[in-house]
């Protein structure tokens, strides 16, 4: 019985890794914006931060409390 459960567990782990353990799974579901090559990480971060540098978000005025 222990051998059967070990074999079943090994099979399930293999299936899980094959189906769910890759970045494209999250990208297919819209959970991430982009999948990038690790070598491009620095360039993508710099470009993203440069784009946000000039972003200005207007906050709505408070209705109650201190101005």
N, C-alpha and C. Protein backbone atom coordinates (compact mmCIF):
# COMPACT_ATOMS: atom_id res chain seq x y z
N UNK A 1 0.83 -1.20 0.00
CA UNK A 1 0.00 0.00 0.00
C UNK A 1 0.87 1.25 0.00
N UNK A 2 1.96 1.24 0.72
CA UNK A 2 2.85 2.40 0.77
C UNK A 2 3.47 2.66 -0.60
N UNK A 3 3.78 1.58 -1.33
CA UNK A 3 4.35 1.74 -2.66
C UNK A 3 3.35 2.38 -3.61
N UNK A 4 2.07 2.00 -3.48
CA UNK A 4 1.04 2.57 -4.32
C UNK A 4 0.88 4.06 -4.06
N UNK A 5 0.86 4.45 -2.80
CA UNK A 5 0.69 5.86 -2.48
C UNK A 5 1.92 6.67 -2.89
N UNK A 6 3.09 6.09 -2.77
CA UNK A 6 4.32 6.78 -3.20
C UNK A 6 4.30 6.96 -4.72
N UNK A 7 3.89 5.92 -5.44
CA UNK A 7 3.83 5.99 -6.90
C UNK A 7 2.78 7.01 -7.34
N UNK A 8 1.64 7.01 -6.66
CA UNK A 8 0.59 7.96 -6.99
C UNK A 8 1.04 9.39 -6.71
N UNK A 9 1.71 9.58 -5.61
CA UNK A 9 2.22 10.91 -5.26
C UNK A 9 3.24 11.37 -6.30
N UNK A 10 4.14 10.49 -6.69
CA UNK A 10 5.16 10.83 -7.69
C UNK A 10 4.51 11.19 -9.02
N UNK A 11 3.47 10.44 -9.40
CA UNK A 11 2.76 10.73 -10.65
C UNK A 11 2.07 12.09 -10.57
N UNK A 12 1.43 12.37 -9.44
CA UNK A 12 0.73 13.64 -9.28
C UNK A 12 1.69 14.82 -9.28
N UNK A 13 2.84 14.66 -8.64
CA UNK A 13 3.85 15.72 -8.63
C UNK A 13 4.35 15.97 -10.04
N UNK A 14 4.58 14.91 -10.79
CA UNK A 14 5.05 15.04 -12.17
C UNK A 14 4.01 15.78 -13.02
N UNK A 15 2.74 15.42 -12.88
CA UNK A 15 1.67 16.09 -13.62
C UNK A 15 1.56 17.56 -13.23
N UNK A 16 1.65 17.84 -11.95
CA UNK A 16 1.58 19.22 -11.46
C UNK A 16 2.69 20.06 -12.07
N UNK A 17 3.90 19.54 -12.03
CA UNK A 17 5.04 20.27 -12.58
C UNK A 17 4.89 20.49 -14.08
N UNK A 18 4.40 19.49 -14.78
CA UNK A 18 4.25 19.59 -16.23
C UNK A 18 3.17 20.61 -16.62
N UNK A 19 2.10 20.68 -15.85
CA UNK A 19 0.97 21.53 -16.22
C UNK A 19 1.02 22.93 -15.62
N UNK A 20 1.53 23.07 -14.41
CA UNK A 20 1.35 24.33 -13.69
C UNK A 20 2.62 25.08 -13.33
N UNK A 21 3.76 24.45 -13.38
CA UNK A 21 4.97 25.11 -12.89
C UNK A 21 5.77 25.74 -14.02
N UNK A 22 5.16 26.69 -14.70
CA UNK A 22 5.88 27.47 -15.69
C UNK A 22 5.25 28.86 -15.74
N UNK A 23 6.00 29.87 -16.16
CA UNK A 23 5.47 31.23 -16.12
C UNK A 23 4.32 31.46 -17.08
N UNK A 24 4.20 30.65 -18.10
CA UNK A 24 3.14 30.86 -19.08
C UNK A 24 1.76 30.52 -18.52
N UNK A 25 1.70 29.70 -17.49
CA UNK A 25 0.43 29.38 -16.84
C UNK A 25 -0.19 30.66 -16.26
N UNK A 26 0.63 31.44 -15.56
CA UNK A 26 0.13 32.69 -14.98
C UNK A 26 -0.18 33.70 -16.08
N UNK A 27 0.63 33.74 -17.12
CA UNK A 27 0.40 34.69 -18.21
C UNK A 27 -0.89 34.37 -18.96
N UNK A 28 -1.17 33.11 -19.16
CA UNK A 28 -2.40 32.70 -19.85
C UNK A 28 -3.64 33.16 -19.09
N UNK A 29 -3.55 33.23 -17.79
CA UNK A 29 -4.69 33.60 -16.97
C UNK A 29 -4.72 35.09 -16.64
N UNK A 30 -3.78 35.85 -17.16
CA UNK A 30 -3.76 37.29 -16.92
C UNK A 30 -3.28 37.68 -15.54
N UNK A 31 -2.56 36.80 -14.87
CA UNK A 31 -2.08 37.08 -13.52
C UNK A 31 -0.80 37.91 -13.53
N UNK A 32 -0.09 37.93 -14.64
CA UNK A 32 1.12 38.73 -14.79
C UNK A 32 1.01 39.53 -16.08
N UNK A 33 1.71 40.65 -16.15
CA UNK A 33 1.66 41.49 -17.33
C UNK A 33 2.49 40.95 -18.48
N UNK A 34 3.63 40.36 -18.16
CA UNK A 34 4.55 39.94 -19.20
C UNK A 34 5.49 38.86 -18.66
N UNK A 35 5.94 38.00 -19.54
CA UNK A 35 6.97 37.02 -19.20
C UNK A 35 8.23 37.46 -19.92
N UNK A 36 9.27 37.77 -19.15
CA UNK A 36 10.50 38.28 -19.75
C UNK A 36 11.65 37.31 -19.52
N UNK A 37 12.64 37.42 -20.37
CA UNK A 37 13.86 36.64 -20.22
C UNK A 37 14.62 37.19 -19.01
N UNK A 38 15.14 36.34 -18.15
CA UNK A 38 15.87 36.84 -16.98
C UNK A 38 17.01 37.80 -17.33
N UNK A 39 17.61 37.62 -18.48
CA UNK A 39 18.69 38.52 -18.89
C UNK A 39 18.18 39.93 -19.19
N UNK A 40 16.89 40.08 -19.43
CA UNK A 40 16.30 41.39 -19.75
C UNK A 40 15.69 42.07 -18.53
N UNK A 41 15.81 41.49 -17.36
CA UNK A 41 15.15 42.01 -16.16
C UNK A 41 15.55 43.45 -15.86
N UNK A 42 16.83 43.73 -15.87
CA UNK A 42 17.31 45.08 -15.54
C UNK A 42 16.75 46.11 -16.52
N UNK A 43 16.81 45.82 -17.81
CA UNK A 43 16.32 46.77 -18.82
C UNK A 43 14.82 47.01 -18.68
N UNK A 44 14.07 45.95 -18.42
CA UNK A 44 12.62 46.09 -18.27
C UNK A 44 12.29 46.90 -17.02
N UNK A 45 12.99 46.66 -15.92
CA UNK A 45 12.76 47.43 -14.69
C UNK A 45 13.08 48.90 -14.89
N UNK A 46 14.19 49.19 -15.54
CA UNK A 46 14.58 50.58 -15.78
C UNK A 46 13.54 51.27 -16.64
N UNK A 47 13.09 50.63 -17.70
CA UNK A 47 12.07 51.22 -18.57
C UNK A 47 10.76 51.43 -17.83
N UNK A 48 10.37 50.48 -17.00
CA UNK A 48 9.12 50.60 -16.24
C UNK A 48 9.19 51.73 -15.23
N UNK A 49 10.31 51.84 -14.52
CA UNK A 49 10.46 52.92 -13.53
C UNK A 49 10.55 54.27 -14.21
N UNK A 50 11.19 54.35 -15.37
CA UNK A 50 11.28 55.61 -16.10
C UNK A 50 9.88 56.06 -16.53
N UNK A 51 9.05 55.12 -16.94
CA UNK A 51 7.69 55.46 -17.35
C UNK A 51 6.89 55.98 -16.16
N UNK A 52 7.10 55.41 -14.99
CA UNK A 52 6.34 55.82 -13.81
C UNK A 52 6.88 57.10 -13.16
N UNK A 53 8.07 57.51 -13.54
CA UNK A 53 8.71 58.67 -12.92
C UNK A 53 7.87 59.93 -13.08
N UNK A 54 7.24 60.09 -14.22
CA UNK A 54 6.47 61.31 -14.48
C UNK A 54 4.97 61.13 -14.21
N UNK A 55 4.57 59.97 -13.75
CA UNK A 55 3.16 59.73 -13.47
C UNK A 55 2.73 60.53 -12.25
N UNK A 56 1.58 61.13 -12.37
CA UNK A 56 1.03 61.91 -11.26
C UNK A 56 -0.41 61.45 -11.04
N UNK A 57 -0.69 61.03 -9.85
CA UNK A 57 -2.04 60.59 -9.51
C UNK A 57 -2.70 61.67 -8.66
N UNK A 58 -3.83 62.16 -9.13
CA UNK A 58 -4.58 63.14 -8.36
C UNK A 58 -5.42 62.42 -7.32
N UNK A 59 -5.30 62.84 -6.09
CA UNK A 59 -6.08 62.25 -5.02
C UNK A 59 -7.36 63.06 -4.83
N UNK A 60 -8.47 62.41 -4.63
CA UNK A 60 -9.72 63.14 -4.42
C UNK A 60 -9.67 63.89 -3.08
N UNK A 61 -10.38 65.01 -3.03
CA UNK A 61 -10.40 65.78 -1.78
C UNK A 61 -11.16 64.99 -0.72
N UNK A 62 -10.77 65.21 0.51
CA UNK A 62 -11.40 64.50 1.62
C UNK A 62 -12.76 65.12 1.94
N UNK A 63 -13.69 64.28 2.27
CA UNK A 63 -15.02 64.76 2.60
C UNK A 63 -15.14 65.06 4.09
N UNK A 64 -14.38 64.33 4.89
CA UNK A 64 -14.44 64.50 6.34
C UNK A 64 -13.02 64.52 6.88
N UNK A 65 -12.83 65.14 8.01
CA UNK A 65 -11.51 65.12 8.64
C UNK A 65 -10.65 66.30 8.23
N UNK A 66 -9.37 66.17 8.49
CA UNK A 66 -8.43 67.25 8.21
C UNK A 66 -8.17 67.37 6.72
N UNK A 67 -8.02 68.61 6.24
CA UNK A 67 -7.76 68.80 4.80
C UNK A 67 -6.35 68.41 4.42
